[in-house]
């Protein structure tokens, strides 16, 4: 199966933007814990990290389906690539 993440520049920028948002939220969570913030506030911020990561995962998986999966299916490797995607879905 192909390795790497084929994408155009706009997709790469969008994915990186989402990941940087997640990193910013995570930095905030760490700071809040270090400063003994109210637990519920920390959980809300942690949930924002998770949401940002889910959005990044969604974009990466969509890109994968549109590029790598489509290419593998055209080459006759449908079963392998479908199994690979299904393994990811089982982890959720």
N, C-alpha and C. Protein backbone atom coordinates (compact mmCIF):
# COMPACT_ATOMS: atom_id res chain seq x y z
N UNK A 1 0.83 -1.18 0.00
CA UNK A 1 0.00 0.00 0.00
C UNK A 1 0.88 1.25 0.00
N UNK A 2 0.40 2.30 -0.63
CA UNK A 2 1.21 3.52 -0.69
C UNK A 2 1.40 4.14 0.68
N UNK A 3 2.56 4.70 0.87
CA UNK A 3 2.87 5.38 2.13
C UNK A 3 2.89 6.87 1.88
N UNK A 4 2.77 7.64 2.94
CA UNK A 4 2.77 9.08 2.80
C UNK A 4 1.36 9.60 2.74
N UNK A 5 1.26 10.89 2.62
CA UNK A 5 -0.05 11.52 2.62
C UNK A 5 -0.16 12.45 1.42
N UNK A 6 -0.57 11.94 0.26
CA UNK A 6 -0.73 12.82 -0.89
C UNK A 6 -1.82 13.84 -0.63
N UNK A 7 -1.52 15.06 -0.90
CA UNK A 7 -2.50 16.12 -0.66
C UNK A 7 -2.06 17.38 -1.39
N UNK A 8 -3.00 18.22 -1.63
CA UNK A 8 -2.62 19.50 -2.20
C UNK A 8 -2.31 20.47 -1.05
N UNK A 9 -1.77 21.59 -1.39
CA UNK A 9 -1.32 22.56 -0.39
C UNK A 9 -2.45 23.05 0.51
N UNK A 10 -3.64 23.23 -0.05
CA UNK A 10 -4.74 23.74 0.76
C UNK A 10 -5.18 22.71 1.81
N UNK A 11 -5.17 21.44 1.45
CA UNK A 11 -5.52 20.39 2.42
C UNK A 11 -4.46 20.32 3.51
N UNK A 12 -3.21 20.37 3.11
CA UNK A 12 -2.12 20.34 4.09
C UNK A 12 -2.25 21.52 5.06
N UNK A 13 -2.49 22.71 4.55
CA UNK A 13 -2.64 23.89 5.41
C UNK A 13 -3.80 23.72 6.38
N UNK A 14 -4.92 23.19 5.88
CA UNK A 14 -6.09 23.00 6.72
C UNK A 14 -5.83 21.99 7.82
N UNK A 15 -5.19 20.88 7.49
CA UNK A 15 -4.86 19.86 8.49
C UNK A 15 -3.91 20.42 9.53
N UNK A 16 -2.88 21.10 9.08
CA UNK A 16 -1.92 21.70 10.03
C UNK A 16 -2.60 22.73 10.91
N UNK A 17 -3.50 23.50 10.34
CA UNK A 17 -4.24 24.50 11.13
C UNK A 17 -5.03 23.83 12.24
N UNK A 18 -5.74 22.75 11.90
CA UNK A 18 -6.52 22.01 12.91
C UNK A 18 -5.63 21.43 13.99
N UNK A 19 -4.49 20.89 13.60
CA UNK A 19 -3.57 20.31 14.59
C UNK A 19 -2.98 21.39 15.50
N UNK A 20 -2.72 22.55 14.95
CA UNK A 20 -2.20 23.64 15.77
C UNK A 20 -3.26 24.16 16.73
N UNK A 21 -4.52 24.15 16.31
CA UNK A 21 -5.61 24.50 17.21
C UNK A 21 -5.63 23.51 18.38
N UNK A 22 -5.53 22.22 18.07
CA UNK A 22 -5.52 21.19 19.13
C UNK A 22 -4.35 21.41 20.07
N UNK A 23 -3.19 21.72 19.52
CA UNK A 23 -2.01 21.97 20.35
C UNK A 23 -2.23 23.18 21.26
N UNK A 24 -2.84 24.22 20.73
CA UNK A 24 -3.12 25.40 21.54
C UNK A 24 -4.07 25.07 22.69
N UNK A 25 -5.10 24.30 22.39
CA UNK A 25 -6.04 23.89 23.44
C UNK A 25 -5.33 23.02 24.49
N UNK A 26 -4.46 22.12 24.03
CA UNK A 26 -3.75 21.25 24.96
C UNK A 26 -2.82 22.06 25.86
N UNK A 27 -2.13 23.03 25.28
CA UNK A 27 -1.28 23.91 26.10
C UNK A 27 -2.11 24.61 27.16
N UNK A 28 -3.32 25.02 26.79
CA UNK A 28 -4.22 25.66 27.74
C UNK A 28 -4.62 24.70 28.86
N UNK A 29 -4.93 23.45 28.51
CA UNK A 29 -5.30 22.45 29.51
C UNK A 29 -4.15 22.24 30.49
N UNK A 30 -2.94 22.09 29.97
CA UNK A 30 -1.78 21.89 30.83
C UNK A 30 -1.60 23.06 31.78
N UNK A 31 -1.72 24.26 31.26
CA UNK A 31 -1.61 25.45 32.11
C UNK A 31 -2.69 25.51 33.17
N UNK A 32 -3.90 25.13 32.79
CA UNK A 32 -5.00 25.14 33.75
C UNK A 32 -4.76 24.14 34.88
N UNK A 33 -4.25 22.97 34.55
CA UNK A 33 -3.96 21.97 35.58
C UNK A 33 -2.84 22.48 36.49
N UNK A 34 -1.81 23.04 35.89
CA UNK A 34 -0.70 23.57 36.67
C UNK A 34 -1.14 24.69 37.60
N UNK A 35 -2.14 25.45 37.19
CA UNK A 35 -2.63 26.59 37.98
C UNK A 35 -3.84 26.23 38.83
N UNK A 36 -4.16 24.95 38.94
CA UNK A 36 -5.25 24.46 39.78
C UNK A 36 -6.61 25.07 39.44
N UNK A 37 -6.93 25.13 38.16
CA UNK A 37 -8.24 25.64 37.75
C UNK A 37 -9.34 24.66 38.14
N UNK A 38 -10.53 25.15 38.11
CA UNK A 38 -11.72 24.35 38.43
C UNK A 38 -11.81 23.17 37.47
N UNK A 39 -12.06 21.98 38.03
CA UNK A 39 -12.04 20.73 37.26
C UNK A 39 -12.93 20.77 36.02
N UNK A 40 -14.13 21.27 36.16
CA UNK A 40 -15.06 21.30 35.03
C UNK A 40 -14.52 22.18 33.91
N UNK A 41 -13.88 23.28 34.26
CA UNK A 41 -13.27 24.14 33.25
C UNK A 41 -12.16 23.41 32.51
N UNK A 42 -11.39 22.61 33.24
CA UNK A 42 -10.32 21.83 32.62
C UNK A 42 -10.92 20.80 31.66
N UNK A 43 -11.97 20.14 32.09
CA UNK A 43 -12.62 19.14 31.25
C UNK A 43 -13.18 19.79 29.97
N UNK A 44 -13.77 20.94 30.10
CA UNK A 44 -14.29 21.64 28.90
C UNK A 44 -13.16 21.92 27.92
N UNK A 45 -12.04 22.37 28.43
CA UNK A 45 -10.91 22.67 27.55
C UNK A 45 -10.34 21.39 26.94
N UNK A 46 -10.31 20.32 27.74
CA UNK A 46 -9.84 19.03 27.24
C UNK A 46 -10.75 18.52 26.12
N UNK A 47 -12.03 18.74 26.28
CA UNK A 47 -12.98 18.33 25.24
C UNK A 47 -12.74 19.12 23.94
N UNK A 48 -12.30 20.35 24.07
CA UNK A 48 -11.98 21.15 22.89
C UNK A 48 -10.77 20.55 22.16
N UNK A 49 -9.79 20.04 22.93
CA UNK A 49 -8.64 19.37 22.32
C UNK A 49 -9.13 18.17 21.51
N UNK A 50 -9.96 17.37 22.14
CA UNK A 50 -10.45 16.16 21.49
C UNK A 50 -11.26 16.49 20.23
N UNK A 51 -12.06 17.52 20.29
CA UNK A 51 -12.86 17.92 19.12
C UNK A 51 -11.95 18.38 17.98
N UNK A 52 -10.92 19.14 18.31
CA UNK A 52 -9.99 19.60 17.28
C UNK A 52 -9.24 18.43 16.65
N UNK A 53 -8.87 17.45 17.46
CA UNK A 53 -8.19 16.27 16.93
C UNK A 53 -9.14 15.42 16.07
N UNK A 54 -10.39 15.31 16.50
CA UNK A 54 -11.37 14.58 15.69
C UNK A 54 -11.54 15.23 14.32
N UNK A 55 -11.58 16.55 14.30
CA UNK A 55 -11.73 17.26 13.03
C UNK A 55 -10.49 17.03 12.15
N UNK A 56 -9.31 17.06 12.73
CA UNK A 56 -8.10 16.78 11.96
C UNK A 56 -8.13 15.35 11.43
N UNK A 57 -8.52 14.40 12.28
CA UNK A 57 -8.64 13.01 11.84
C UNK A 57 -9.62 12.87 10.68
N UNK A 58 -10.73 13.58 10.77
CA UNK A 58 -11.74 13.54 9.72
C UNK A 58 -11.15 14.03 8.39
N UNK A 59 -10.43 15.14 8.44
CA UNK A 59 -9.82 15.68 7.22
C UNK A 59 -8.78 14.74 6.64
N UNK A 60 -7.96 14.15 7.50
CA UNK A 60 -6.93 13.22 7.04
C UNK A 60 -7.56 11.98 6.43
N UNK A 61 -8.57 11.44 7.09
CA UNK A 61 -9.23 10.24 6.57
C UNK A 61 -9.95 10.53 5.26
N UNK A 62 -10.60 11.67 5.16
CA UNK A 62 -11.27 12.05 3.91
C UNK A 62 -10.26 12.15 2.78
N UNK A 63 -9.13 12.79 3.05
CA UNK A 63 -8.07 12.90 2.05
C UNK A 63 -7.58 11.51 1.65
N UNK A 64 -7.42 10.64 2.63
CA UNK A 64 -6.95 9.28 2.37
C UNK A 64 -7.94 8.55 1.46
N UNK A 65 -9.22 8.69 1.75
CA UNK A 65 -10.24 8.02 0.94
C UNK A 65 -10.23 8.54 -0.50
N UNK A 66 -10.05 9.85 -0.64
CA UNK A 66 -10.10 10.47 -1.97
C UNK A 66 -8.84 10.19 -2.78
N UNK A 67 -7.74 9.87 -2.12
CA UNK A 67 -6.48 9.69 -2.84
C UNK A 67 -6.02 8.24 -2.78
N UNK A 68 -5.51 7.83 -1.65
CA UNK A 68 -4.91 6.50 -1.51
C UNK A 68 -5.91 5.37 -1.74
N UNK A 69 -7.08 5.47 -1.13
CA UNK A 69 -8.08 4.41 -1.27
C UNK A 69 -8.56 4.33 -2.71
N UNK A 70 -8.90 5.46 -3.28
CA UNK A 70 -9.37 5.46 -4.67
C UNK A 70 -8.32 4.89 -5.60
N UNK A 71 -7.06 5.26 -5.40
CA UNK A 71 -5.97 4.75 -6.23
C UNK A 71 -5.80 3.24 -6.05
N UNK A 72 -5.86 2.76 -4.82
CA UNK A 72 -5.71 1.32 -4.56
C UNK A 72 -6.85 0.53 -5.18
N UNK A 73 -8.05 1.06 -5.12
CA UNK A 73 -9.20 0.38 -5.73
C UNK A 73 -9.01 0.29 -7.25
N UNK A 74 -8.55 1.39 -7.84
CA UNK A 74 -8.29 1.37 -9.29
C UNK A 74 -7.24 0.33 -9.66
N UNK A 75 -6.28 0.10 -8.77
CA UNK A 75 -5.21 -0.87 -9.02
C UNK A 75 -5.62 -2.30 -8.67
N UNK A 76 -6.83 -2.48 -8.16
CA UNK A 76 -7.30 -3.82 -7.84
C UNK A 76 -7.02 -4.28 -6.42
N UNK A 77 -6.59 -3.37 -5.56
CA UNK A 77 -6.27 -3.70 -4.17
C UNK A 77 -7.39 -3.29 -3.21
N UNK A 78 -8.63 -3.42 -3.65
CA UNK A 78 -9.76 -2.94 -2.86
C UNK A 78 -9.85 -3.60 -1.48
N UNK A 79 -9.70 -4.92 -1.42
CA UNK A 79 -9.87 -5.61 -0.15
C UNK A 79 -8.85 -5.15 0.89
N UNK A 80 -7.60 -5.02 0.50
CA UNK A 80 -6.56 -4.60 1.44
C UNK A 80 -6.82 -3.20 1.98
N UNK A 81 -7.15 -2.28 1.10
CA UNK A 81 -7.35 -0.90 1.53
C UNK A 81 -8.63 -0.75 2.34
N UNK A 82 -9.65 -1.50 2.01
CA UNK A 82 -10.89 -1.46 2.79
C UNK A 82 -10.65 -2.03 4.18
N UNK A 83 -9.89 -3.12 4.28
CA UNK A 83 -9.54 -3.69 5.59
C UNK A 83 -8.76 -2.69 6.43
N UNK A 84 -7.85 -1.97 5.80
CA UNK A 84 -7.05 -0.97 6.50
C UNK A 84 -7.94 0.13 7.09
N UNK A 85 -8.87 0.62 6.30
CA UNK A 85 -9.78 1.68 6.78
C UNK A 85 -10.69 1.13 7.87
N UNK A 86 -11.18 -0.08 7.71
CA UNK A 86 -12.06 -0.66 8.72
C UNK A 86 -11.34 -0.82 10.07
N UNK A 87 -10.07 -1.15 10.06
CA UNK A 87 -9.29 -1.25 11.30
C UNK A 87 -9.25 0.09 12.01
N UNK A 88 -9.13 1.16 11.27
CA UNK A 88 -9.15 2.50 11.88
C UNK A 88 -10.51 2.77 12.50
N UNK A 89 -11.57 2.42 11.79
CA UNK A 89 -12.92 2.67 12.30
C UNK A 89 -13.19 1.88 13.57
N UNK A 90 -12.63 0.69 13.70
CA UNK A 90 -12.82 -0.13 14.88
C UNK A 90 -12.16 0.48 16.11
N UNK A 91 -11.16 1.30 15.95
CA UNK A 91 -10.45 1.91 17.06
C UNK A 91 -11.23 3.04 17.70
N UNK A 92 -12.23 3.54 17.03
CA UNK A 92 -12.98 4.70 17.56
C UNK A 92 -13.87 4.33 18.68
